[in-house]
Protein backbone atom coordinates (compact mmCIF):
# COMPACT_ATOMS: atom_id res chain seq x y z
CA MET A 1 0.07 -2.85 -44.07
CA MET A 2 0.00 0.40 -42.18
CA ALA A 3 2.13 3.22 -43.52
CA ASP A 4 5.57 3.18 -41.94
CA ASP A 5 5.60 6.73 -40.66
CA THR A 6 5.57 8.53 -37.34
CA MET A 7 2.97 10.93 -36.10
CA GLY A 8 3.76 14.63 -35.98
CA PRO A 9 4.30 16.44 -32.70
CA ARG A 10 0.69 17.67 -32.53
CA GLU A 11 -2.12 15.19 -33.06
CA THR A 12 -5.88 15.31 -33.29
CA VAL A 13 -7.22 12.69 -30.91
CA GLY A 14 -10.74 11.27 -31.07
CA LEU A 15 -12.06 9.86 -27.80
CA VAL A 16 -15.11 7.62 -27.58
CA GLY A 17 -16.19 7.36 -23.96
CA GLY A 18 -15.79 10.19 -21.47
CA GLY A 19 -15.96 8.39 -18.13
CA VAL A 20 -13.15 8.21 -15.59
CA ILE A 21 -10.63 6.69 -18.03
CA GLY A 22 -11.77 8.57 -21.15
CA ALA A 23 -11.73 11.91 -19.35
CA GLY A 24 -8.31 11.09 -17.92
CA TRP A 25 -7.00 10.38 -21.42
CA ALA A 26 -8.48 13.67 -22.63
CA ALA A 27 -6.72 15.54 -19.83
CA ARG A 28 -3.33 13.96 -20.56
CA PHE A 29 -3.56 14.63 -24.29
CA LEU A 30 -4.84 18.19 -23.85
CA LEU A 31 -2.19 19.17 -21.30
CA ASN A 32 0.45 17.92 -23.72
CA GLY A 33 -0.86 20.16 -26.50
CA HIS A 34 -2.98 17.72 -28.53
CA ASP A 35 -6.48 18.62 -29.75
CA CYS A 36 -9.27 16.31 -28.58
CA ALA A 37 -12.81 15.58 -29.74
CA VAL A 38 -14.84 13.57 -27.21
CA PHE A 39 -18.07 11.67 -27.74
CA ASP A 40 -20.19 10.21 -24.96
CA PRO A 41 -24.00 10.15 -24.81
CA ASP A 42 -23.88 11.28 -21.16
CA PRO A 43 -25.73 14.65 -21.05
CA ASP A 44 -23.46 15.69 -18.16
CA LEU A 45 -20.27 15.02 -20.15
CA ALA A 46 -19.02 18.63 -20.33
CA ARG A 47 -19.22 19.16 -16.57
CA LYS A 48 -17.52 15.85 -15.79
CA LEU A 49 -14.74 16.52 -18.29
CA GLU A 50 -14.10 19.95 -16.80
CA ALA A 51 -13.94 18.48 -13.29
CA VAL A 52 -11.26 16.00 -14.38
CA LEU A 53 -9.40 18.73 -16.28
CA ASP A 54 -9.40 20.90 -13.16
CA HIS A 55 -7.82 18.04 -11.20
CA ALA A 56 -5.28 17.46 -13.98
CA ARG A 57 -4.29 21.12 -14.30
CA ARG A 58 -3.86 21.38 -10.54
CA ALA A 59 -1.70 18.24 -10.44
CA GLN A 60 0.38 19.32 -13.44
CA ALA A 61 1.05 22.74 -11.91
CA LYS A 62 2.32 21.09 -8.73
CA LEU A 63 4.36 18.38 -10.46
CA MET A 64 5.94 20.63 -13.12
CA PRO A 65 5.46 24.19 -11.83
CA GLY A 66 7.79 25.85 -14.32
CA VAL A 67 6.52 24.17 -17.48
CA ALA A 68 3.83 25.89 -19.51
CA VAL A 69 2.79 24.21 -22.76
CA PRO A 70 -0.32 25.60 -24.50
CA GLU A 71 -3.24 23.24 -24.02
CA GLY A 72 -4.83 21.53 -26.97
CA ARG A 73 -8.38 22.41 -27.98
CA LEU A 74 -11.27 20.40 -26.52
CA ARG A 75 -14.43 19.79 -28.54
CA ILE A 76 -17.54 17.87 -27.49
CA ALA A 77 -18.71 15.84 -30.50
CA ALA A 78 -22.40 15.24 -31.13
CA THR A 79 -21.82 11.80 -32.67
CA LEU A 80 -19.23 9.06 -32.66
CA ALA A 81 -18.51 9.69 -36.34
CA GLU A 82 -17.90 13.38 -35.66
CA ALA A 83 -15.42 12.56 -32.89
CA VAL A 84 -13.27 10.22 -35.00
CA ALA A 85 -13.65 11.46 -38.58
CA ASP A 86 -10.61 13.78 -38.55
CA ALA A 87 -8.61 12.04 -35.83
CA ASP A 88 -5.04 10.82 -36.25
CA PHE A 89 -5.35 8.67 -33.14
CA ILE A 90 -8.53 7.26 -31.60
CA VAL A 91 -9.09 6.04 -28.04
CA GLU A 92 -12.06 3.87 -27.03
CA SER A 93 -12.81 3.86 -23.28
CA LEU A 94 -16.13 2.08 -22.82
CA PRO A 95 -17.20 -0.29 -20.01
CA GLU A 96 -15.57 -3.74 -19.98
CA VAL A 97 -18.39 -5.44 -21.90
CA GLU A 98 -16.95 -7.37 -24.83
CA ALA A 99 -20.05 -7.26 -27.05
CA LEU A 100 -20.36 -3.49 -26.56
CA LYS A 101 -16.72 -2.87 -27.37
CA VAL A 102 -16.84 -5.11 -30.47
CA ARG A 103 -19.85 -3.22 -31.82
CA VAL A 104 -18.47 0.26 -31.11
CA LEU A 105 -14.98 -0.53 -32.40
CA GLY A 106 -16.63 -1.64 -35.65
CA GLU A 107 -18.43 1.72 -35.85
CA ILE A 108 -15.16 3.56 -35.18
CA ASP A 109 -13.41 1.53 -37.87
CA ARG A 110 -16.03 2.49 -40.45
CA ALA A 111 -15.98 6.21 -39.57
CA ALA A 112 -12.24 6.73 -39.10
CA ARG A 113 -9.64 7.71 -41.67
CA PRO A 114 -7.73 4.73 -43.12
CA GLU A 115 -4.43 5.82 -41.58
CA ALA A 116 -5.76 6.40 -38.06
CA VAL A 117 -4.66 4.09 -35.25
CA VAL A 118 -7.46 2.83 -32.99
CA ALA A 119 -6.58 2.14 -29.35
CA THR A 120 -8.79 0.44 -26.81
CA SER A 121 -8.35 1.17 -23.11
CA THR A 122 -9.51 -2.31 -22.11
CA SER A 123 -8.00 -3.55 -18.88
CA GLY A 124 -8.01 -7.20 -19.87
CA LEU A 125 -10.11 -8.18 -22.91
CA LEU A 126 -8.22 -9.75 -25.80
CA PRO A 127 -7.66 -7.45 -28.79
CA SER A 128 -8.02 -10.36 -31.24
CA ARG A 129 -11.61 -10.81 -30.04
CA LEU A 130 -12.34 -7.07 -29.83
CA ALA A 131 -11.35 -6.65 -33.49
CA ALA A 132 -14.07 -9.08 -34.65
CA GLY A 133 -16.27 -6.31 -36.06
CA MET A 134 -13.49 -4.31 -37.73
CA ALA A 135 -12.70 -4.38 -41.43
CA HIS A 136 -9.19 -3.15 -40.57
CA PRO A 137 -8.13 -5.10 -37.46
CA GLU A 138 -4.50 -4.36 -38.27
CA ARG A 139 -4.86 -0.89 -36.75
CA LEU A 140 -6.30 -1.96 -33.38
CA VAL A 141 -3.98 -1.77 -30.37
CA VAL A 142 -4.50 -2.00 -26.64
CA GLY A 143 -3.41 1.06 -24.68
CA HIS A 144 -4.32 0.16 -21.10
CA PRO A 145 -3.70 3.08 -18.69
CA PHE A 146 -4.09 3.46 -14.94
CA ASN A 147 -6.23 5.90 -13.01
CA PRO A 148 -5.63 8.81 -12.84
CA VAL A 149 -4.45 8.68 -16.43
CA TYR A 150 -3.15 12.26 -16.32
CA LEU A 151 -0.68 11.39 -13.53
CA LEU A 152 0.25 7.70 -13.62
CA PRO A 153 2.75 7.09 -16.44
CA LEU A 154 2.26 3.38 -17.13
CA VAL A 155 0.43 2.25 -20.27
CA GLU A 156 0.35 -1.40 -21.33
CA VAL A 157 0.52 -1.79 -25.11
CA CYS A 158 -0.57 -5.05 -26.72
CA GLY A 159 -1.62 -6.18 -30.17
CA GLY A 160 -3.94 -8.88 -31.42
CA ALA A 161 -3.28 -11.67 -33.88
CA ARG A 162 -3.80 -9.33 -36.85
CA THR A 163 -2.38 -6.09 -35.42
CA ASP A 164 0.26 -4.49 -37.63
CA PRO A 165 3.52 -3.92 -35.69
CA ALA A 166 3.63 -0.44 -37.24
CA ALA A 167 0.40 0.44 -35.43
CA LEU A 168 1.94 -0.67 -32.14
CA ASP A 169 5.03 1.43 -32.84
CA ARG A 170 2.96 4.52 -33.68
CA ALA A 171 0.89 4.14 -30.52
CA ALA A 172 3.97 3.61 -28.36
CA ALA A 173 5.67 6.67 -29.86
CA LEU A 174 2.67 8.88 -29.15
CA TYR A 175 2.30 7.58 -25.61
CA GLY A 176 5.98 8.33 -25.06
CA ARG A 177 5.53 11.91 -26.26
CA ILE A 178 2.79 12.50 -23.70
CA GLY A 179 5.03 11.35 -20.86
CA MET A 180 4.07 7.71 -20.47
CA ARG A 181 6.12 4.61 -19.73
CA VAL A 182 5.18 2.06 -22.38
CA LEU A 183 5.12 -1.58 -21.28
CA ARG A 184 4.97 -3.77 -24.39
CA VAL A 185 3.08 -6.94 -23.46
CA ARG A 186 4.96 -9.82 -25.09
CA LYS A 187 1.96 -12.15 -25.49
CA GLU A 188 -1.75 -11.53 -25.85
CA VAL A 189 -3.21 -12.70 -22.53
CA ASP A 190 -6.32 -11.96 -20.50
CA GLY A 191 -5.65 -9.16 -18.04
CA PHE A 192 -2.25 -8.34 -19.57
CA VAL A 193 0.41 -7.91 -16.84
CA ALA A 194 -0.64 -5.37 -14.22
CA ASP A 195 -4.27 -6.37 -13.85
CA ARG A 196 -3.39 -10.03 -13.38
CA LEU A 197 -1.28 -8.97 -10.39
CA LEU A 198 -3.94 -6.59 -9.10
CA GLU A 199 -6.66 -9.21 -9.47
CA ALA A 200 -4.69 -11.71 -7.37
CA LEU A 201 -4.35 -9.14 -4.58
CA TRP A 202 -8.01 -8.06 -4.88
CA ARG A 203 -9.32 -11.63 -4.66
CA GLU A 204 -7.27 -12.40 -1.58
CA ALA A 205 -8.38 -9.11 0.02
CA LEU A 206 -12.04 -10.04 -0.53
CA TRP A 207 -11.44 -13.40 1.17
CA LEU A 208 -9.87 -11.66 4.19
CA VAL A 209 -12.99 -9.51 4.53
CA ALA A 210 -15.35 -12.44 3.89
CA ASP A 211 -13.62 -14.57 6.54
CA GLY A 212 -13.62 -11.73 9.07
CA VAL A 213 -9.82 -11.64 9.23
CA ALA A 214 -9.53 -7.92 8.50
CA THR A 215 -11.60 -4.88 7.55
CA THR A 216 -11.19 -2.93 4.32
CA GLU A 217 -9.26 -0.23 6.19
CA GLU A 218 -6.94 -2.72 7.88
CA ILE A 219 -6.16 -4.34 4.52
CA ASP A 220 -5.41 -0.95 2.99
CA ASP A 221 -3.20 -0.13 5.99
CA ALA A 222 -1.28 -3.38 5.44
CA ILE A 223 -0.42 -2.10 1.97
CA ARG A 224 0.06 1.64 2.39
CA TYR A 225 2.18 1.43 5.56
CA GLY A 226 4.31 -1.44 4.32
CA ALA A 227 4.88 -3.12 0.99
CA GLY A 228 3.04 -0.46 -1.02
CA LEU A 229 5.68 2.15 -0.23
CA ARG A 230 8.50 0.07 -1.65
CA TRP A 231 6.39 -1.27 -4.52
CA SER A 232 6.13 2.28 -5.83
CA PHE A 233 9.77 2.38 -6.81
CA MET A 234 11.15 -1.19 -6.78
CA GLY A 235 8.22 -3.46 -7.57
CA THR A 236 8.23 -7.09 -6.41
CA PHE A 237 11.22 -8.93 -7.86
CA LEU A 238 13.82 -6.28 -7.04
CA ILE A 239 12.53 -6.04 -3.45
CA TYR A 240 12.78 -9.81 -3.05
CA ARG A 241 16.28 -9.71 -4.51
CA LEU A 242 17.22 -7.40 -1.65
CA ALA A 243 15.63 -9.86 0.78
CA GLY A 244 18.11 -12.45 -0.49
CA GLY A 245 21.00 -10.30 0.72
CA GLU A 246 24.37 -10.46 -0.97
CA ALA A 247 23.52 -13.84 -2.48
CA GLY A 248 20.60 -12.26 -4.33
CA MET A 249 17.50 -13.85 -5.82
CA ARG A 250 18.78 -17.42 -5.92
CA HIS A 251 19.26 -17.39 -2.15
CA PHE A 252 15.85 -15.81 -1.59
CA LEU A 253 14.13 -18.53 -3.64
CA ALA A 254 16.00 -21.27 -1.80
CA GLN A 255 15.07 -19.80 1.57
CA PHE A 256 11.46 -18.83 1.00
CA GLY A 257 10.47 -20.98 -1.97
CA PRO A 258 9.14 -23.87 0.15
CA ALA A 259 6.59 -21.49 1.71
CA LEU A 260 4.89 -21.23 -1.68
CA LYS A 261 3.52 -24.73 -1.11
CA LEU A 262 1.77 -23.67 2.09
CA PRO A 263 -1.98 -23.09 1.69
CA TRP A 264 -1.84 -19.42 2.67
CA THR A 265 -3.73 -17.99 -0.29
CA ARG A 266 -6.76 -19.03 -2.31
CA LEU A 267 -6.26 -17.02 -5.54
CA VAL A 268 -9.90 -17.56 -6.49
CA ALA A 269 -12.57 -14.99 -5.78
CA PRO A 270 -15.16 -15.55 -3.08
CA GLU A 271 -18.81 -15.55 -4.07
CA LEU A 272 -20.06 -11.95 -4.04
CA THR A 273 -23.09 -12.68 -1.91
CA ASP A 274 -25.39 -9.89 -0.79
CA ALA A 275 -23.92 -10.22 2.68
CA LEU A 276 -20.33 -9.80 1.44
CA VAL A 277 -21.27 -6.86 -0.80
CA ASP A 278 -22.96 -5.19 2.18
CA ARG A 279 -19.98 -5.82 4.45
CA VAL A 280 -17.42 -4.46 1.98
CA SER A 281 -19.57 -1.45 1.13
CA GLU A 282 -20.33 -0.57 4.76
CA GLN A 283 -16.69 -0.87 5.79
CA SER A 284 -15.60 1.21 2.80
CA ASP A 285 -18.14 3.90 3.69
CA ALA A 286 -16.84 3.98 7.26
CA GLN A 287 -13.27 4.15 5.99
CA ALA A 288 -14.08 7.17 3.78
CA ALA A 289 -15.54 8.94 6.84
CA GLY A 290 -17.93 11.03 4.77
CA ALA A 291 -15.27 12.51 2.47
CA ALA A 292 -16.61 13.56 -0.94
CA ILE A 293 -15.25 11.74 -3.98
CA ARG A 294 -13.67 14.94 -5.36
CA ASP A 295 -11.88 15.55 -2.03
CA LEU A 296 -10.52 12.01 -2.06
CA GLU A 297 -9.38 12.45 -5.66
CA ARG A 298 -7.52 15.64 -4.76
CA ARG A 299 -5.86 13.91 -1.80
CA ARG A 300 -4.88 11.01 -4.06
CA ASP A 301 -3.43 13.39 -6.65
CA ASP A 302 -1.50 15.42 -4.06
CA CYS A 303 0.06 12.26 -2.65
CA LEU A 304 0.91 10.95 -6.12
CA VAL A 305 2.56 14.28 -6.97
CA ALA A 306 4.60 14.06 -3.77
CA VAL A 307 5.73 10.50 -4.55
CA LEU A 308 6.51 11.28 -8.19
CA SER A 309 8.41 14.43 -7.17
CA ALA A 310 10.52 12.48 -4.69
CA LEU A 311 11.25 9.80 -7.30
CA ARG A 312 12.07 12.50 -9.86
CA ASP A 313 14.71 13.86 -7.46
CA GLN A 314 16.23 10.36 -7.46
CA ASP A 315 15.81 10.05 -11.26
CA TYR A 316 14.47 6.58 -10.58
CA ALA A 317 11.46 4.45 -11.60
CA ALA A 318 8.42 6.60 -12.43
CA GLY A 319 10.40 9.67 -11.39
CA ALA A 320 12.82 9.17 -14.27
CA VAL A 321 9.87 9.18 -16.69
CA VAL A 322 8.56 12.42 -15.15
CA ALA A 323 12.00 14.05 -15.28
CA ALA A 324 12.53 13.17 -18.94
CA HIS A 325 9.06 14.39 -19.89
CA GLU A 326 9.54 17.62 -17.95
CA ARG A 327 12.75 18.31 -19.85
CA ALA A 328 11.01 17.61 -23.15
CA LEU A 329 8.09 19.91 -22.32
CA ALA A 330 10.42 22.66 -21.14
CA GLY A 331 12.36 22.43 -24.38
CA ARG A 332 9.15 22.51 -26.41
CA ALA A 333 7.88 25.55 -24.50
CA ALA A 334 11.17 27.38 -24.92
CA SER A 335 11.63 26.66 -28.63
CA PRO A 336 9.84 28.87 -31.13
CA ASP A 337 7.38 27.07 -33.39
CA ALA A 338 8.64 28.69 -36.56
CA PRO A 339 11.60 27.09 -38.40
CA PRO A 340 14.88 28.95 -38.09
CA SER A 341 15.58 31.60 -40.67
CA GLU A 342 18.12 30.86 -43.36
CA ALA A 343 19.24 34.51 -43.38
CA PRO A 344 22.45 35.41 -41.53
CA PRO A 345 21.92 36.94 -38.09
CA SER A 346 21.52 40.71 -37.99
CA GLU A 347 24.08 42.76 -36.10
CA ALA A 348 21.41 45.32 -35.12
CA PRO A 349 19.06 44.90 -32.15
CA SER A 350 15.48 44.01 -32.98
CA PRO A 351 13.08 46.95 -32.63
CA ASP A 352 10.48 44.55 -31.17
CA ALA A 353 12.81 43.03 -28.57
CA ALA A 354 11.43 42.22 -25.15
CA PRO A 355 12.52 40.11 -22.19
CA VAL A 356 11.89 36.40 -22.78
CA SER A 357 9.07 34.60 -20.96
CA THR A 358 10.91 31.73 -19.29
CA TRP A 359 8.71 30.38 -16.50
CA ALA A 360 5.06 30.33 -15.43
CA GLY A 361 3.32 28.47 -12.64
CA THR A 362 0.97 28.54 -9.70
CA VAL A 363 2.14 28.53 -6.07
CA PRO A 364 1.26 25.09 -4.60
CA PRO A 365 0.43 24.58 -0.90
CA ASP A 366 3.76 22.94 -0.07
CA TRP A 367 5.66 26.07 -1.17
CA ILE A 368 4.20 28.08 1.72
CA ASP A 369 6.29 28.63 4.87
CA TYR A 370 5.43 29.42 8.49
CA ASN A 371 4.94 33.10 7.58
CA GLY A 372 2.08 32.25 5.23
CA HIS A 373 3.82 33.07 1.96
CA MET A 374 6.16 31.39 -0.52
CA THR A 375 9.31 30.18 1.20
CA GLU A 376 12.59 31.68 0.05
CA HIS A 377 14.24 28.70 -1.64
CA ARG A 378 11.26 28.38 -4.00
CA TYR A 379 12.10 31.79 -5.46
CA LEU A 380 15.52 30.46 -6.38
CA GLN A 381 13.86 27.36 -7.83
CA CYS A 382 11.68 29.54 -10.08
CA PHE A 383 14.71 31.49 -11.27
CA GLY A 384 16.74 28.32 -11.76
CA ASP A 385 13.96 26.83 -13.89
CA ALA A 386 13.81 30.09 -15.85
CA THR A 387 17.54 29.88 -16.53
CA ASP A 388 17.15 26.28 -17.74
CA ALA A 389 14.35 27.39 -20.09
CA LEU A 390 16.54 30.15 -21.54
CA LEU A 391 19.41 27.71 -22.02
CA ALA A 392 17.08 25.31 -23.82
CA ARG A 393 16.02 28.19 -26.05
CA ILE A 394 19.60 28.86 -27.15
CA GLY A 395 20.29 25.18 -27.87
CA VAL A 396 21.58 23.70 -24.63
CA ASP A 397 19.64 20.45 -24.91
CA ALA A 398 20.35 16.83 -23.97
CA ALA A 399 22.56 16.31 -27.01
CA TYR A 400 24.59 19.41 -26.19
CA LEU A 401 25.05 18.31 -22.57
CA ALA A 402 26.07 14.84 -23.73
CA GLY A 403 28.94 16.55 -25.57
CA LYS A 404 30.38 17.58 -22.18
CA ARG A 405 29.46 21.23 -22.60
CA SER A 406 27.24 23.16 -20.22
CA PHE A 407 26.77 26.37 -18.25
CA TYR A 408 27.55 26.72 -14.55
CA THR A 409 26.04 29.48 -12.43
CA VAL A 410 28.90 31.27 -10.68
CA GLU A 411 26.99 34.12 -9.02
CA THR A 412 23.37 34.88 -8.11
CA HIS A 413 21.94 37.99 -6.45
CA LEU A 414 18.29 37.53 -5.43
CA ALA A 415 16.19 40.44 -4.18
CA HIS A 416 12.72 40.04 -2.61
CA ARG A 417 10.27 42.80 -3.50
CA GLY A 418 6.90 41.34 -2.48
CA GLU A 419 5.12 38.24 -1.25
CA ALA A 420 3.70 35.34 -3.23
CA HIS A 421 0.82 33.38 -1.73
CA GLU A 422 -0.77 29.97 -2.26
CA GLY A 423 -2.69 29.66 -5.51
CA GLU A 424 -1.26 32.80 -7.11
CA ALA A 425 -0.17 32.59 -10.74
CA LEU A 426 3.41 33.76 -11.25
CA ALA A 427 5.59 34.38 -14.30
CA VAL A 428 9.29 35.03 -14.91
CA THR A 429 10.78 37.10 -17.72
CA THR A 430 14.49 37.09 -18.49
CA GLN A 431 16.69 39.79 -20.00
CA VAL A 432 20.16 39.03 -21.37
CA MET A 433 22.41 41.78 -20.07
CA ALA A 434 25.57 40.59 -21.83
CA ALA A 435 27.14 37.57 -23.54
CA ASP A 436 30.69 37.10 -24.76
CA GLY A 437 30.92 33.44 -25.74
CA LYS A 438 31.92 32.23 -22.30
CA ARG A 439 29.90 34.42 -19.94
CA LEU A 440 26.13 34.86 -19.92
CA HIS A 441 24.77 37.68 -17.74
CA LEU A 442 21.02 37.38 -16.99
CA PHE A 443 18.42 39.41 -15.13
CA HIS A 444 15.17 37.67 -14.12
CA ARG A 445 11.97 39.31 -12.89
CA LEU A 446 9.31 37.25 -11.05
CA CYS A 447 5.90 38.93 -11.21
CA ARG A 448 2.35 38.19 -10.18
CA ALA A 449 0.70 37.16 -13.44
CA GLY A 450 -2.60 38.92 -12.76
CA ASP A 451 -1.38 42.48 -12.20
CA GLY A 452 2.32 42.37 -13.07
CA THR A 453 3.47 43.24 -9.55
CA LEU A 454 7.20 42.61 -9.15
CA LEU A 455 7.77 40.06 -6.38
CA ALA A 456 11.46 39.26 -6.77
CA SER A 457 14.42 39.65 -9.10
CA ALA A 458 17.56 37.63 -9.64
CA GLU A 459 20.75 38.67 -11.39
CA GLN A 460 22.97 35.79 -12.49
CA MET A 461 26.34 35.25 -14.09
CA LEU A 462 26.77 31.95 -15.92
CA LEU A 463 30.00 30.52 -17.26
CA HIS A 464 30.24 28.08 -20.17
CA VAL A 465 32.36 25.06 -19.27
CA ASP A 466 33.87 21.86 -20.54
CA THR A 467 32.42 19.52 -17.90
CA ALA A 468 34.96 16.78 -18.62
CA ALA A 469 37.98 19.06 -18.26
CA GLY A 470 36.47 21.19 -15.49
CA ARG A 471 37.38 24.52 -17.08
CA SER A 472 35.69 27.37 -18.91
CA VAL A 473 35.60 27.27 -22.70
CA VAL A 474 33.89 29.23 -25.45
CA ALA A 475 30.42 27.91 -26.32
CA SER A 476 29.92 26.04 -29.59
CA GLY A 477 29.00 28.02 -32.69
CA ALA A 478 25.21 27.65 -32.70
CA VAL A 479 24.85 28.26 -28.96
CA ARG A 480 27.32 31.15 -29.07
CA ASP A 481 25.43 32.74 -31.96
CA ALA A 482 22.09 32.35 -30.16
CA MET A 483 23.57 33.96 -27.02
CA ALA A 484 24.90 36.86 -29.04
CA ALA A 485 21.63 37.35 -30.91
CA LEU A 486 19.65 37.61 -27.67
CA ALA A 487 22.22 39.97 -26.18
CA ARG A 488 21.98 42.22 -29.27
CA ASP A 489 18.19 42.18 -29.17
CA HIS A 490 18.14 43.08 -25.50
CA ALA A 491 20.88 45.73 -25.75
CA GLY A 492 18.32 48.44 -26.43
CA LEU A 493 16.08 47.55 -23.49
CA PRO A 494 16.04 49.75 -20.39
CA ARG A 495 18.48 48.63 -17.71
CA PRO A 496 16.45 46.79 -15.06
CA GLU A 497 16.08 48.54 -11.74
CA GLY A 498 18.47 46.92 -9.28
CA ALA A 499 20.84 45.50 -11.89
CA GLY A 500 24.42 45.56 -10.59
CA ARG A 501 23.22 46.50 -7.13
CA GLY A 502 25.19 45.33 -4.09
CA ILE A 503 23.56 43.80 -1.05
CA GLY A 504 22.02 46.23 1.42
CA ARG A 505 21.82 49.12 -1.06
CA ALA A 506 18.39 50.70 -1.59
């Protein structure tokens, strides 16, 4: 049996295969702070990995602009054994050729540490068969992601006949920590869940092209202008429940169920003749209109970020996963790595005190207004995110909020000092001006990261409240002590220029 433990917060991940999926896995792990060693015989591996990482960094900065977690370290391994020898978690992402995967998974099994979990990215091959060459099949799990792995949160997790449930639990826990929505497949089945659905759609789409009913672009339009929009947040069954009206799914099935007997679909693939391959390829080329693959990938990522951001605002479907992961990353970035000191807090300010780094990000294109620079409400967003990071630092986390205690902002004075432009790296530092148990007085400075130019400042007064009673109360002991400690440390800092200033005063 596998050891019944959980992996630590920072893992060493060995990746075998650095193609589209393997590189996407590397990007997701690295951007969540995990070290990665990648092996692939492709001589162009380093360049391809960096291209995917560039896409991932760009997407992450747009999706979570105020979250800055130090990246893990990337290493290109010369051999498979070198990539997996020290790994806590191993990911195989080779082509969907069963014999190849069986052979390579056997090699991984022999080279890996006994306690390492081995995950295959297969999109549909059975793990019981893939484990045929492994001496330790109990550690093999399926972790099937979706492209781009660094943005789409779904991962299907499935075990084989001899997989230890503890290995599945360890894999699921790690996937959760890197911001993924784990779908545990209840039964080992070819294609798992998502690909069986995708294959049915793909086969019918090929028939529509083969029969001359529609072109590749028209089929894509039928999805992206219609059902695809609602699929992204409600899926199939919930949408059909709505189609049943107040009577729900039972009424929908009674009304539309008989249509299932009509011979509308074939659900078997057409023969991929040379003529059909040519037709699909030519129509796809025309649809792409000469756009380079990297340009299409960036457009895809930008649209996914927009959809995920909108769903995050609703705290629904994939957006709820993004929101929870963003909170976790912000808390990790704000919390010091060192364990808290057992010594009582000092009453004297620290001689090394400095304003706290609370936010960092890059200005995305959709933050730019008609004047060509960052629009005004985004400045407030940066300062609001900085305040949240400071609150996380002093202990205002999900558990604290669940106790019906929080801080409300009662006053904000924002002053614009310069202009931020698309692509510029920005950073916020925060100084605690005063804290008395109920009130928290902050001063934020937003600067251009490259040269330190001050672009804006925000002075805020926060009040600690009992959210159930709707009144101000003194913060709990640990949070109150953390507030006081920061206020003491910052008491010796110079008073920021503009602090206490009224509107319209120079």
